[in-house]
Amino acid sequence: MGNHVVVLESDPGIARTLAGKLSTHFHAVLLTRSGDEFRERVEQQRPQAVVVDVEYSRLTEVQNLHREFPELPIVCTHRIPDEQLWIEAMDAGASDVCRSDDTQDVLNSVLRQVALSHGAVA
């Protein structure tokens, strides 16, 4: 696995802010604009974690990704996540769900999930 993260985020401003925060912890942050591009980058690059805007992408994508890459931390984002979305996302294989605009929380979650996936104490 490379020391990078693949991000699928529909809001360009949030994507840029998130990329800036993640780039201080990862060698590369790959921003994608479509589900196809996202999937291609994940398959080719084998990132340490992914961030998926589930408002833009479907939870079936999360489910498929989790099935193909069971060890890959998947942090989902949504503009207004509620408890039902959180439950559905976790059932689909997500590691966490965060508000899209709380980029610090997304960063913390990615770092925590990467540490957990590598057996480190978060």
PDB file of N, CA and C in Angstrom:
ATOM      1  N   MET A   1       0.824  -1.198   0.000  1.00  0.00           N
ATOM      2  CA  MET A   1       0.000   0.000   0.000  1.00  0.00           C
ATOM      3  C   MET A   1       0.861   1.251   0.000  1.00  0.00           C
ATOM      4  N   GLY A   2       0.461   2.211  -0.809  1.00  0.00           N
ATOM      5  CA  GLY A   2       1.188   3.472  -0.839  1.00  0.00           C
ATOM      6  C   GLY A   2       0.777   4.367   0.315  1.00  0.00           C
ATOM      7  N   ASN A   3       1.587   5.363   0.573  1.00  0.00           N
ATOM      8  CA  ASN A   3       1.282   6.309   1.644  1.00  0.00           C
ATOM      9  C   ASN A   3       0.456   7.457   1.077  1.00  0.00           C
ATOM     10  N   HIS A   4      -0.770   7.116   0.652  1.00  0.00           N
ATOM     11  CA  HIS A   4      -1.640   8.140   0.100  1.00  0.00           C
ATOM     12  C   HIS A   4      -3.111   7.817   0.342  1.00  0.00           C
ATOM     13  N   VAL A   5      -3.935   8.809   0.011  1.00  0.00           N
ATOM     14  CA  VAL A   5      -5.380   8.722   0.222  1.00  0.00           C
ATOM     15  C   VAL A   5      -6.068   9.100  -1.079  1.00  0.00           C
ATOM     16  N   VAL A   6      -7.153   8.413  -1.402  1.00  0.00           N
ATOM     17  CA  VAL A   6      -7.969   8.764  -2.559  1.00  0.00           C
ATOM     18  C   VAL A   6      -9.266   9.379  -2.038  1.00  0.00           C
ATOM     19  N   VAL A   7      -9.648  10.519  -2.602  1.00  0.00           N
ATOM     20  CA  VAL A   7     -10.817  11.263  -2.135  1.00  0.00           C
ATOM     21  C   VAL A   7     -11.812  11.438  -3.276  1.00  0.00           C
ATOM     22  N   LEU A   8     -13.090  11.141  -3.010  1.00  0.00           N
ATOM     23  CA  LEU A   8     -14.182  11.453  -3.915  1.00  0.00           C
ATOM     24  C   LEU A   8     -15.090  12.424  -3.170  1.00  0.00           C
ATOM     25  N   GLU A   9     -14.979  13.697  -3.510  1.00  0.00           N
ATOM     26  CA  GLU A   9     -15.736  14.749  -2.828  1.00  0.00           C
ATOM     27  C   GLU A   9     -16.346  15.656  -3.888  1.00  0.00           C
ATOM     28  N   SER A  10     -17.677  15.867  -3.813  1.00  0.00           N
ATOM     29  CA  SER A  10     -18.372  16.638  -4.840  1.00  0.00           C
ATOM     30  C   SER A  10     -18.134  18.135  -4.752  1.00  0.00           C
ATOM     31  N   ASP A  11     -17.854  18.661  -3.563  1.00  0.00           N
ATOM     32  CA  ASP A  11     -17.646  20.088  -3.390  1.00  0.00           C
ATOM     33  C   ASP A  11     -16.165  20.422  -3.580  1.00  0.00           C
ATOM     34  N   PRO A  12     -15.804  21.171  -4.635  1.00  0.00           N
ATOM     35  CA  PRO A  12     -14.391  21.453  -4.904  1.00  0.00           C
ATOM     36  C   PRO A  12     -13.691  22.193  -3.765  1.00  0.00           C
ATOM     37  N   GLY A  13     -14.384  23.081  -3.081  1.00  0.00           N
ATOM     38  CA  GLY A  13     -13.802  23.815  -1.961  1.00  0.00           C
ATOM     39  C   GLY A  13     -13.452  22.892  -0.814  1.00  0.00           C
ATOM     40  N   ILE A  14     -14.376  22.013  -0.472  1.00  0.00           N
ATOM     41  CA  ILE A  14     -14.127  21.037   0.600  1.00  0.00           C
ATOM     42  C   ILE A  14     -13.007  20.099   0.175  1.00  0.00           C
ATOM     43  N   ALA A  15     -13.020  19.672  -1.083  1.00  0.00           N
ATOM     44  CA  ALA A  15     -11.972  18.768  -1.575  1.00  0.00           C
ATOM     45  C   ALA A  15     -10.595  19.405  -1.430  1.00  0.00           C
ATOM     46  N   ARG A  16     -10.467  20.687  -1.797  1.00  0.00           N
ATOM     47  CA  ARG A  16      -9.175  21.384  -1.683  1.00  0.00           C
ATOM     48  C   ARG A  16      -8.730  21.506  -0.222  1.00  0.00           C
ATOM     49  N   THR A  17      -9.661  21.890   0.653  1.00  0.00           N
ATOM     50  CA  THR A  17      -9.334  22.033   2.077  1.00  0.00           C
ATOM     51  C   THR A  17      -8.913  20.692   2.663  1.00  0.00           C
ATOM     52  N   LEU A  18      -9.676  19.658   2.342  1.00  0.00           N
ATOM     53  CA  LEU A  18      -9.367  18.321   2.845  1.00  0.00           C
ATOM     54  C   LEU A  18      -8.019  17.844   2.310  1.00  0.00           C
ATOM     55  N   ALA A  19      -7.755  18.078   1.038  1.00  0.00           N
ATOM     56  CA  ALA A  19      -6.473  17.686   0.443  1.00  0.00           C
ATOM     57  C   ALA A  19      -5.316  18.380   1.161  1.00  0.00           C
ATOM     58  N   GLY A  20      -5.500  19.654   1.486  1.00  0.00           N
ATOM     59  CA  GLY A  20      -4.466  20.392   2.204  1.00  0.00           C
ATOM     60  C   GLY A  20      -4.175  19.786   3.560  1.00  0.00           C
ATOM     61  N   LYS A  21      -5.219  19.439   4.294  1.00  0.00           N
ATOM     62  CA  LYS A  21      -5.033  18.842   5.618  1.00  0.00           C
ATOM     63  C   LYS A  21      -4.412  17.445   5.520  1.00  0.00           C
ATOM     64  N   LEU A  22      -4.914  16.636   4.593  1.00  0.00           N
ATOM     65  CA  LEU A  22      -4.400  15.272   4.451  1.00  0.00           C
ATOM     66  C   LEU A  22      -2.961  15.251   3.946  1.00  0.00           C
ATOM     67  N   SER A  23      -2.590  16.238   3.117  1.00  0.00           N
ATOM     68  CA  SER A  23      -1.251  16.229   2.516  1.00  0.00           C
ATOM     69  C   SER A  23      -0.137  16.437   3.537  1.00  0.00           C
ATOM     70  N   THR A  24      -0.480  16.918   4.725  1.00  0.00           N
ATOM     71  CA  THR A  24       0.547  17.050   5.762  1.00  0.00           C
ATOM     72  C   THR A  24       0.842  15.704   6.434  1.00  0.00           C
ATOM     73  N   HIS A  25       0.010  14.703   6.175  1.00  0.00           N
ATOM     74  CA  HIS A  25       0.171  13.390   6.795  1.00  0.00           C
ATOM     75  C   HIS A  25       0.426  12.266   5.796  1.00  0.00           C
ATOM     76  N   PHE A  26       0.128  12.516   4.521  1.00  0.00           N
ATOM     77  CA  PHE A  26       0.265  11.484   3.496  1.00  0.00           C
ATOM     78  C   PHE A  26       1.108  12.020   2.339  1.00  0.00           C
ATOM     79  N   HIS A  27       1.830  11.127   1.692  1.00  0.00           N
ATOM     80  CA  HIS A  27       2.691  11.498   0.574  1.00  0.00           C
ATOM     81  C   HIS A  27       1.882  12.132  -0.559  1.00  0.00           C
ATOM     82  N   ALA A  28       0.707  11.578  -0.829  1.00  0.00           N
ATOM     83  CA  ALA A  28      -0.128  12.103  -1.914  1.00  0.00           C
ATOM     84  C   ALA A  28      -1.602  11.994  -1.554  1.00  0.00           C
ATOM     85  N   VAL A  29      -2.361  12.972  -2.001  1.00  0.00           N
ATOM     86  CA  VAL A  29      -3.815  12.956  -1.871  1.00  0.00           C
ATOM     87  C   VAL A  29      -4.359  13.048  -3.291  1.00  0.00           C
ATOM     88  N   LEU A  30      -5.054  12.013  -3.716  1.00  0.00           N
ATOM     89  CA  LEU A  30      -5.572  11.953  -5.076  1.00  0.00           C
ATOM     90  C   LEU A  30      -7.053  12.322  -5.076  1.00  0.00           C
ATOM     91  N   LEU A  31      -7.367  13.492  -5.632  1.00  0.00           N
ATOM     92  CA  LEU A  31      -8.756  13.943  -5.718  1.00  0.00           C
ATOM     93  C   LEU A  31      -9.358  13.404  -6.999  1.00  0.00           C
ATOM     94  N   THR A  32     -10.561  12.848  -6.888  1.00  0.00           N
ATOM     95  CA  THR A  32     -11.240  12.309  -8.063  1.00  0.00           C
ATOM     96  C   THR A  32     -12.577  13.013  -8.241  1.00  0.00           C
ATOM     97  N   ARG A  33     -13.064  13.009  -9.472  1.00  0.00           N
ATOM     98  CA  ARG A  33     -14.294  13.737  -9.792  1.00  0.00           C
ATOM     99  C   ARG A  33     -15.469  12.833 -10.133  1.00  0.00           C
ATOM    100  N   SER A  34     -15.212  11.542 -10.280  1.00  0.00           N
ATOM    101  CA  SER A  34     -16.306  10.631 -10.636  1.00  0.00           C
ATOM    102  C   SER A  34     -16.098   9.293  -9.944  1.00  0.00           C
ATOM    103  N   GLY A  35     -17.168   8.540  -9.856  1.00  0.00           N
ATOM    104  CA  GLY A  35     -17.097   7.214  -9.259  1.00  0.00           C
ATOM    105  C   GLY A  35     -16.152   6.297 -10.022  1.00  0.00           C
ATOM    106  N   ASP A  36     -16.167   6.402 -11.360  1.00  0.00           N
ATOM    107  CA  ASP A  36     -15.284   5.564 -12.179  1.00  0.00           C
ATOM    108  C   ASP A  36     -13.820   5.912 -11.943  1.00  0.00           C
ATOM    109  N   GLU A  37     -13.512   7.211 -11.925  1.00  0.00           N
ATOM    110  CA  GLU A  37     -12.138   7.649 -11.684  1.00  0.00           C
ATOM    111  C   GLU A  37     -11.681   7.233 -10.278  1.00  0.00           C
ATOM    112  N   PHE A  38     -12.587   7.372  -9.322  1.00  0.00           N
ATOM    113  CA  PHE A  38     -12.300   6.988  -7.941  1.00  0.00           C
ATOM    114  C   PHE A  38     -11.927   5.513  -7.869  1.00  0.00           C
ATOM    115  N   ARG A  39     -12.770   4.668  -8.444  1.00  0.00           N
ATOM    116  CA  ARG A  39     -12.547   3.218  -8.410  1.00  0.00           C
ATOM    117  C   ARG A  39     -11.229   2.866  -9.103  1.00  0.00           C
ATOM    118  N   GLU A  40     -10.964   3.498 -10.234  1.00  0.00           N
ATOM    119  CA  GLU A  40      -9.733   3.238 -10.972  1.00  0.00           C
ATOM    120  C   GLU A  40      -8.499   3.599 -10.129  1.00  0.00           C
ATOM    121  N   ARG A  41      -8.552   4.748  -9.467  1.00  0.00           N
ATOM    122  CA  ARG A  41      -7.424   5.167  -8.619  1.00  0.00           C
ATOM    123  C   ARG A  41      -7.217   4.209  -7.446  1.00  0.00           C
ATOM    124  N   VAL A  42      -8.314   3.760  -6.838  1.00  0.00           N
ATOM    125  CA  VAL A  42      -8.194   2.826  -5.713  1.00  0.00           C
ATOM    126  C   VAL A  42      -7.565   1.517  -6.186  1.00  0.00           C
ATOM    127  N   GLU A  43      -8.018   1.008  -7.313  1.00  0.00           N
ATOM    128  CA  GLU A  43      -7.491  -0.259  -7.828  1.00  0.00           C
ATOM    129  C   GLU A  43      -6.026  -0.134  -8.218  1.00  0.00           C
ATOM    130  N   GLN A  44      -5.643   0.976  -8.830  1.00  0.00           N
ATOM    131  CA  GLN A  44      -4.268   1.156  -9.295  1.00  0.00           C
ATOM    132  C   GLN A  44      -3.311   1.529  -8.163  1.00  0.00           C
ATOM    133  N   GLN A  45      -3.741   2.415  -7.282  1.00  0.00           N
ATOM    134  CA  GLN A  45      -2.846   3.006  -6.297  1.00  0.00           C
ATOM    135  C   GLN A  45      -2.798   2.279  -4.955  1.00  0.00           C
ATOM    136  N   ARG A  46      -3.839   1.509  -4.630  1.00  0.00           N
ATOM    137  CA  ARG A  46      -3.914   0.818  -3.334  1.00  0.00           C
ATOM    138  C   ARG A  46      -3.604   1.774  -2.170  1.00  0.00           C
ATOM    139  N   PRO A  47      -4.462   2.762  -1.958  1.00  0.00           N
ATOM    140  CA  PRO A  47      -4.212   3.775  -0.930  1.00  0.00           C
ATOM    141  C   PRO A  47      -4.320   3.219   0.486  1.00  0.00           C
ATOM    142  N   GLN A  48      -3.854   4.023   1.452  1.00  0.00           N
ATOM    143  CA  GLN A  48      -3.964   3.646   2.863  1.00  0.00           C
ATOM    144  C   GLN A  48      -5.385   3.844   3.360  1.00  0.00           C
ATOM    145  N   ALA A  49      -6.110   4.770   2.730  1.00  0.00           N
ATOM    146  CA  ALA A  49      -7.498   5.049   3.123  1.00  0.00           C
ATOM    147  C   ALA A  49      -8.188   5.778   1.976  1.00  0.00           C
ATOM    148  N   VAL A  50      -9.518   5.801   2.028  1.00  0.00           N
ATOM    149  CA  VAL A  50     -10.299   6.572   1.070  1.00  0.00           C
ATOM    150  C   VAL A  50     -11.328   7.412   1.811  1.00  0.00           C
ATOM    151  N   VAL A  51     -11.685   8.522   1.186  1.00  0.00           N
ATOM    152  CA  VAL A  51     -12.752   9.390   1.695  1.00  0.00           C
ATOM    153  C   VAL A  51     -13.789   9.464   0.587  1.00  0.00           C
ATOM    154  N   VAL A  52     -15.038   9.119   0.918  1.00  0.00           N
ATOM    155  CA  VAL A  52     -16.104   9.053  -0.072  1.00  0.00           C
ATOM    156  C   VAL A  52     -17.274   9.930   0.349  1.00  0.00           C
ATOM    157  N   ASP A  53     -17.631  10.867  -0.502  1.00  0.00           N
ATOM    158  CA  ASP A  53     -18.803  11.715  -0.291  1.00  0.00           C
ATOM    159  C   ASP A  53     -20.027  10.878  -0.654  1.00  0.00           C
ATOM    160  N   VAL A  54     -20.758  10.390   0.345  1.00  0.00           N
ATOM    161  CA  VAL A  54     -21.897   9.511   0.063  1.00  0.00           C
ATOM    162  C   VAL A  54     -23.137  10.280  -0.374  1.00  0.00           C
ATOM    163  N   GLU A  55     -23.035  11.587  -0.377  1.00  0.00           N
ATOM    164  CA  GLU A  55     -24.110  12.376  -0.965  1.00  0.00           C
ATOM    165  C   GLU A  55     -23.977  12.324  -2.483  1.00  0.00           C
ATOM    166  N   TYR A  56     -22.740  12.149  -2.947  1.00  0.00           N
ATOM    167  CA  TYR A  56     -22.418  12.124  -4.365  1.00  0.00           C
ATOM    168  C   TYR A  56     -22.367  10.693  -4.885  1.00  0.00           C
ATOM    169  N   SER A  57     -21.872   9.792  -4.068  1.00  0.00           N
ATOM    170  CA  SER A  57     -21.728   8.390  -4.428  1.00  0.00           C
ATOM    171  C   SER A  57     -22.785   7.582  -3.673  1.00  0.00           C
ATOM    172  N   ARG A  58     -23.061   6.394  -4.143  1.00  0.00           N
ATOM    173  CA  ARG A  58     -24.059   5.554  -3.483  1.00  0.00           C
ATOM    174  C   ARG A  58     -23.397   4.631  -2.450  1.00  0.00           C
ATOM    175  N   LEU A  59     -24.173   4.246  -1.465  1.00  0.00           N
ATOM    176  CA  LEU A  59     -23.648   3.325  -0.450  1.00  0.00           C
ATOM    177  C   LEU A  59     -23.302   1.959  -1.050  1.00  0.00           C
ATOM    178  N   THR A  60     -23.906   1.622  -2.191  1.00  0.00           N
ATOM    179  CA  THR A  60     -23.535   0.362  -2.838  1.00  0.00           C
ATOM    180  C   THR A  60     -22.072   0.414  -3.280  1.00  0.00           C
ATOM    181  N   GLU A  61     -21.579   1.612  -3.622  1.00  0.00           N
ATOM    182  CA  GLU A  61     -20.157   1.769  -3.963  1.00  0.00           C
ATOM    183  C   GLU A  61     -19.290   1.449  -2.750  1.00  0.00           C
ATOM    184  N   VAL A  62     -19.711   1.939  -1.596  1.00  0.00           N
ATOM    185  CA  VAL A  62     -18.981   1.666  -0.351  1.00  0.00           C
ATOM    186  C   VAL A  62     -18.989   0.162  -0.093  1.00  0.00           C
ATOM    187  N   GLN A  63     -20.128  -0.443  -0.273  1.00  0.00           N
ATOM    188  CA  GLN A  63     -20.270  -1.890  -0.046  1.00  0.00           C
ATOM    189  C   GLN A  63     -19.356  -2.679  -0.989  1.00  0.00           C
ATOM    190  N   ASN A  64     -19.345  -2.310  -2.266  1.00  0.00           N
ATOM    191  CA  ASN A  64     -18.498  -2.997  -3.243  1.00  0.00           C
ATOM    192  C   ASN A  64     -17.017  -2.804  -2.915  1.00  0.00           C
ATOM    193  N   LEU A  65     -16.658  -1.594  -2.552  1.00  0.00           N
ATOM    194  CA  LEU A  65     -15.274  -1.282  -2.199  1.00  0.00           C
ATOM    195  C   LEU A  65     -14.829  -2.095  -0.979  1.00  0.00           C
ATOM    196  N   HIS A  66     -15.697  -2.157   0.009  1.00  0.00           N
ATOM    197  CA  HIS A  66     -15.382  -2.915   1.224  1.00  0.00           C
ATOM    198  C   HIS A  66     -15.242  -4.409   0.922  1.00  0.00           C
ATOM    199  N   ARG A  67     -16.078  -4.904   0.039  1.00  0.00           N
ATOM    200  CA  ARG A  67     -16.013  -6.327  -0.324  1.00  0.00           C
ATOM    201  C   ARG A  67     -14.692  -6.630  -1.057  1.00  0.00           C
ATOM    202  N   GLU A  68     -14.277  -5.730  -1.957  1.00  0.00           N
ATOM    203  CA  GLU A  68     -13.056  -5.949  -2.725  1.00  0.00           C
ATOM    204  C   GLU A  68     -11.780  -5.667  -1.920  1.00  0.00           C
ATOM    205  N   PHE A  69     -11.849  -4.701  -1.015  1.00  0.00           N
ATOM    206  CA  PHE A  69     -10.684  -4.296  -0.219  1.00  0.00           C
ATOM    207  C   PHE A  69     -11.086  -4.239   1.258  1.00  0.00           C
ATOM    208  N   PRO A  70     -11.270  -5.395   1.888  1.00  0.00           N
ATOM    209  CA  PRO A  70     -11.811  -5.437   3.253  1.00  0.00           C
ATOM    210  C   PRO A  70     -10.962  -4.724   4.312  1.00  0.00           C
ATOM    211  N   GLU A  71      -9.671  -4.581   4.074  1.00  0.00           N
ATOM    212  CA  GLU A  71      -8.795  -3.926   5.049  1.00  0.00           C
ATOM    213  C   GLU A  71      -8.705  -2.409   4.843  1.00  0.00           C
ATOM    214  N   LEU A  72      -9.269  -1.906   3.761  1.00  0.00           N
ATOM    215  CA  LEU A  72      -9.158  -0.493   3.413  1.00  0.00           C
ATOM    216  C   LEU A  72     -10.100   0.356   4.268  1.00  0.00           C
ATOM    217  N   PRO A  73      -9.561   1.311   5.037  1.00  0.00           N
ATOM    218  CA  PRO A  73     -10.428   2.214   5.793  1.00  0.00           C
ATOM    219  C   PRO A  73     -11.218   3.117   4.830  1.00  0.00           C
ATOM    220  N   ILE A  74     -12.537   3.163   5.013  1.00  0.00           N
ATOM    221  CA  ILE A  74     -13.417   3.979   4.179  1.00  0.00           C
ATOM    222  C   ILE A  74     -14.116   4.987   5.077  1.00  0.00           C
ATOM    223  N   VAL A  75     -13.733   6.248   4.943  1.00  0.00           N
ATOM    224  CA  VAL A  75     -14.369   7.314   5.714  1.00  0.00           C
ATOM    225  C   VAL A  75     -15.370   7.999   4.789  1.00  0.00           C
ATOM    226  N   CYS A  76     -16.633   7.941   5.171  1.00  0.00           N
ATOM    227  CA  CYS A  76     -17.687   8.553   4.375  1.00  0.00           C
ATOM    228  C   CYS A  76     -17.973   9.965   4.876  1.00  0.00           C
ATOM    229  N   THR A  77     -18.339  10.841   3.939  1.00  0.00           N
ATOM    230  CA  THR A  77     -18.736  12.195   4.317  1.00  0.00           C
ATOM    231  C   THR A  77     -20.121  12.478   3.740  1.00  0.00           C
ATOM    232  N   HIS A  78     -20.814  13.401   4.391  1.00  0.00           N
ATOM    233  CA  HIS A  78     -22.141  13.832   3.944  1.00  0.00           C
ATOM    234  C   HIS A  78     -22.370  15.222   4.515  1.00  0.00           C
ATOM    235  N   ARG A  79     -23.090  16.024   3.775  1.00  0.00           N
ATOM    236  CA  ARG A  79     -23.382  17.389   4.226  1.00  0.00           C
ATOM    237  C   ARG A  79     -24.089  17.389   5.571  1.00  0.00           C
ATOM    238  N   ILE A  80     -25.102  16.536   5.704  1.00  0.00           N
ATOM    239  CA  ILE A  80     -25.888  16.478   6.946  1.00  0.00           C
ATOM    240  C   ILE A  80     -26.116  15.014   7.308  1.00  0.00           C
ATOM    241  N   PRO A  81     -25.090  14.344   7.840  1.00  0.00           N
ATOM    242  CA  PRO A  81     -25.284  12.929   8.174  1.00  0.00           C
ATOM    243  C   PRO A  81     -26.213  12.784   9.383  1.00  0.00           C
ATOM    244  N   ASP A  82     -27.110  11.838   9.298  1.00  0.00           N
ATOM    245  CA  ASP A  82     -27.971  11.569  10.451  1.00  0.00           C
ATOM    246  C   ASP A  82     -27.698  10.138  10.920  1.00  0.00           C
ATOM    247  N   GLU A  83     -28.362   9.759  11.974  1.00  0.00           N
ATOM    248  CA  GLU A  83     -28.116   8.438  12.562  1.00  0.00           C
ATOM    249  C   GLU A  83     -28.429   7.310  11.580  1.00  0.00           C
ATOM    250  N   GLN A  84     -29.497   7.465  10.812  1.00  0.00           N
ATOM    251  CA  GLN A  84     -29.874   6.430   9.841  1.00  0.00           C
ATOM    252  C   GLN A  84     -28.797   6.256   8.774  1.00  0.00           C
ATOM    253  N   LEU A  85     -28.278   7.365   8.265  1.00  0.00           N
ATOM    254  CA  LEU A  85     -27.209   7.289   7.265  1.00  0.00           C
ATOM    255  C   LEU A  85     -25.969   6.633   7.875  1.00  0.00           C
ATOM    256  N   TRP A  86     -25.642   7.002   9.103  1.00  0.00           N
ATOM    257  CA  TRP A  86     -24.475   6.439   9.776  1.00  0.00           C
ATOM    258  C   TRP A  86     -24.622   4.925   9.877  1.00  0.00           C
ATOM    259  N   ILE A  87     -25.790   4.461  10.301  1.00  0.00           N
ATOM    260  CA  ILE A  87     -26.043   3.018  10.440  1.00  0.00           C
ATOM    261  C   ILE A  87     -25.917   2.328   9.082  1.00  0.00           C
ATOM    262  N   GLU A  88     -26.529   2.906   8.053  1.00  0.00           N
ATOM    263  CA  GLU A  88     -26.483   2.308   6.712  1.00  0.00           C
ATOM    264  C   GLU A  88     -25.053   2.277   6.170  1.00  0.00           C
ATOM    265  N   ALA A  89     -24.310   3.348   6.393  1.00  0.00           N
ATOM    266  CA  ALA A  89     -22.927   3.413   5.911  1.00  0.00           C
ATOM    267  C   ALA A  89     -22.056   2.380   6.629  1.00  0.00           C
ATOM    268  N   MET A  90     -22.227   2.270   7.937  1.00  0.00           N
ATOM    269  CA  MET A  90     -21.444   1.300   8.700  1.00  0.00           C
ATOM    270  C   MET A  90     -21.795  -0.125   8.265  1.00  0.00           C
ATOM    271  N   ASP A  91     -23.076  -0.374   8.019  1.00  0.00           N
ATOM    272  CA  ASP A  91     -23.502  -1.688   7.535  1.00  0.00           C
ATOM    273  C   ASP A  91     -22.900  -1.996   6.165  1.00  0.00           C
ATOM    274  N   ALA A  92     -22.690  -0.951   5.360  1.00  0.00           N
ATOM    275  CA  ALA A  92     -22.121  -1.123   4.014  1.00  0.00           C
ATOM    276  C   ALA A  92     -20.606  -1.353   4.058  1.00  0.00           C
ATOM    277  N   GLY A  93     -19.989  -1.100   5.220  1.00  0.00           N
ATOM    278  CA  GLY A  93     -18.555  -1.336   5.339  1.00  0.00           C
ATOM    279  C   GLY A  93     -17.722  -0.099   5.613  1.00  0.00           C
ATOM    280  N   ALA A  94     -18.386   1.026   5.834  1.00  0.00           N
ATOM    281  CA  ALA A  94     -17.648   2.251   6.146  1.00  0.00           C
ATOM    282  C   ALA A  94     -16.970   2.125   7.500  1.00  0.00           C
ATOM    283  N   SER A  95     -15.855   2.829   7.660  1.00  0.00           N
ATOM    284  CA  SER A  95     -15.145   2.862   8.936  1.00  0.00           C
ATOM    285  C   SER A  95     -15.693   3.966   9.826  1.00  0.00           C
ATOM    286  N   ASP A  96     -16.209   5.031   9.196  1.00  0.00           N
ATOM    287  CA  ASP A  96     -16.735   6.181   9.937  1.00  0.00           C
ATOM    288  C   ASP A  96     -17.539   7.041   8.980  1.00  0.00           C
ATOM    289  N   VAL A  97     -18.341   7.936   9.542  1.00  0.00           N
ATOM    290  CA  VAL A  97     -19.103   8.913   8.765  1.00  0.00           C
ATOM    291  C   VAL A  97     -18.907  10.273   9.426  1.00  0.00           C
ATOM    292  N   CYS A  98     -18.549  11.278   8.624  1.00  0.00           N
ATOM    293  CA  CYS A  98     -18.290  12.623   9.137  1.00  0.00           C
ATOM    294  C   CYS A  98     -19.049  13.655   8.288  1.00  0.00           C
ATOM    295  N   ARG A  99     -19.242  14.828   8.878  1.00  0.00           N
ATOM    296  CA  ARG A  99     -19.810  15.941   8.105  1.00  0.00           C
ATOM    297  C   ARG A  99     -18.788  16.371   7.061  1.00  0.00           C
ATOM    298  N   SER A 100     -19.239  16.612   5.846  1.00  0.00           N
ATOM    299  CA  SER A 100     -18.346  17.019   4.753  1.00  0.00           C
ATOM    300  C   SER A 100     -17.549  18.266   5.095  1.00  0.00           C
ATOM    301  N   ASP A 101     -18.212  19.230   5.721  1.00  0.00           N
ATOM    302  CA  ASP A 101     -17.541  20.516   5.961  1.00  0.00           C
ATOM    303  C   ASP A 101     -16.677  20.536   7.217  1.00  0.00           C
ATOM    304  N   ASP A 102     -16.656  19.456   7.982  1.00  0.00           N
ATOM    305  CA  ASP A 102     -15.792  19.376   9.162  1.00  0.00           C
ATOM    306  C   ASP A 102     -14.522  18.632   8.762  1.00  0.00           C
ATOM    307  N   THR A 103     -13.673  19.329   8.005  1.00  0.00           N
ATOM    308  CA  THR A 103     -12.491  18.670   7.450  1.00  0.00           C
ATOM    309  C   THR A 103     -11.520  18.200   8.531  1.00  0.00           C
ATOM    310  N   GLN A 104     -11.488  18.880   9.666  1.00  0.00           N
ATOM    311  CA  GLN A 104     -10.607  18.425  10.755  1.00  0.00           C
ATOM    312  C   GLN A 104     -11.086  17.080  11.295  1.00  0.00           C
ATOM    313  N   ASP A 105     -12.394  16.913  11.427  1.00  0.00           N
ATOM    314  CA  ASP A 105     -12.950  15.645  11.885  1.00  0.00           C
ATOM    315  C   ASP A 105     -12.670  14.540  10.864  1.00  0.00           C
ATOM    316  N   VAL A 106     -12.791  14.865   9.575  1.00  0.00           N
ATOM    317  CA  VAL A 106     -12.501  13.883   8.527  1.00  0.00           C
ATOM    318  C   VAL A 106     -11.029  13.463   8.622  1.00  0.00           C
ATOM    319  N   LEU A 107     -10.133  14.446   8.756  1.00  0.00           N
ATOM    320  CA  LEU A 107      -8.706  14.150   8.895  1.00  0.00           C
ATOM    321  C   LEU A 107      -8.452  13.251  10.104  1.00  0.00           C
ATOM    322  N   ASN A 108      -9.013  13.623  11.249  1.00  0.00           N
ATOM    323  CA  ASN A 108      -8.821  12.824  12.467  1.00  0.00           C
ATOM    324  C   ASN A 108      -9.320  11.403  12.270  1.00  0.00           C
ATOM    325  N   SER A 109     -10.452  11.262  11.614  1.00  0.00           N
ATOM    326  CA  SER A 109     -11.022   9.937  11.385  1.00  0.00           C
ATOM    327  C   SER A 109     -10.123   9.116  10.467  1.00  0.00           C
ATOM    328  N   VAL A 110      -9.628   9.729   9.387  1.00  0.00           N
ATOM    329  CA  VAL A 110      -8.742   9.013   8.470  1.00  0.00           C
ATOM    330  C   VAL A 110      -7.497   8.541   9.212  1.00  0.00           C
ATOM    331  N   LEU A 111      -6.880   9.441   9.978  1.00  0.00           N
ATOM    332  CA  LEU A 111      -5.669   9.073  10.717  1.00  0.00           C
ATOM    333  C   LEU A 111      -5.940   7.958  11.726  1.00  0.00           C
ATOM    334  N   ARG A 112      -7.084   8.051  12.415  1.00  0.00           N
ATOM    335  CA  ARG A 112      -7.461   7.026  13.401  1.00  0.00           C
ATOM    336  C   ARG A 112      -7.682   5.678  12.706  1.00  0.00           C
ATOM    337  N   GLN A 113      -8.392   5.688  11.581  1.00  0.00           N
ATOM    338  CA  GLN A 113      -8.708   4.439  10.881  1.00  0.00           C
ATOM    339  C   GLN A 113      -7.459   3.805  10.282  1.00  0.00           C
ATOM    340  N   VAL A 114      -6.534   4.624   9.763  1.00  0.00           N
ATOM    341  CA  VAL A 114      -5.283   4.096   9.229  1.00  0.00           C
ATOM    342  C   VAL A 114      -4.474   3.461  10.362  1.00  0.00           C
ATOM    343  N   ALA A 115      -4.415   4.139  11.511  1.00  0.00           N
ATOM    344  CA  ALA A 115      -3.688   3.591  12.658  1.00  0.00           C
ATOM    345  C   ALA A 115      -4.312   2.265  13.094  1.00  0.00           C
ATOM    346  N   LEU A 116      -5.620   2.211  13.151  1.00  0.00           N
ATOM    347  CA  LEU A 116      -6.311   0.972  13.553  1.00  0.00           C
ATOM    348  C   LEU A 116      -6.060  -0.145  12.551  1.00  0.00           C
ATOM    349  N   SER A 117      -6.076   0.187  11.272  1.00  0.00           N
ATOM    350  CA  SER A 117      -5.883  -0.849  10.249  1.00  0.00           C
ATOM    351  C   SER A 117      -4.464  -1.390  10.246  1.00  0.00           C
ATOM    352  N   HIS A 118      -3.543  -0.645  10.827  1.00  0.00           N
ATOM    353  CA  HIS A 118      -2.152  -1.095  10.905  1.00  0.00           C
ATOM    354  C   HIS A 118      -1.816  -1.651  12.297  1.00  0.00           C
ATOM    355  N   GLY A 119      -2.845  -1.822  13.132  1.00  0.00           N
ATOM    356  CA  GLY A 119      -2.646  -2.423  14.439  1.00  0.00           C
ATOM    357  C   GLY A 119      -2.057  -1.497  15.475  1.00  0.00           C
ATOM    358  N   ALA A 120      -1.978  -0.201  15.150  1.00  0.00           N
ATOM    359  CA  ALA A 120      -1.447   0.763  16.111  1.00  0.00           C
ATOM    360  C   ALA A 120      -2.571   1.237  17.023  1.00  0.00           C
ATOM    361  N   VAL A 121      -2.215   1.801  18.140  1.00  0.00           N
ATOM    362  CA  VAL A 121      -3.203   2.346  19.054  1.00  0.00           C
ATOM    363  C   VAL A 121      -3.493   3.780  18.645  1.00  0.00           C
ATOM    364  N   ALA A 122      -4.760   4.088  18.426  1.00  0.00           N
ATOM    365  CA  ALA A 122      -5.127   5.446  17.976  1.00  0.00           C
ATOM    366  C   ALA A 122      -5.186   6.385  19.150  1.00  0.00           C
TER     367      ALA A 122
END
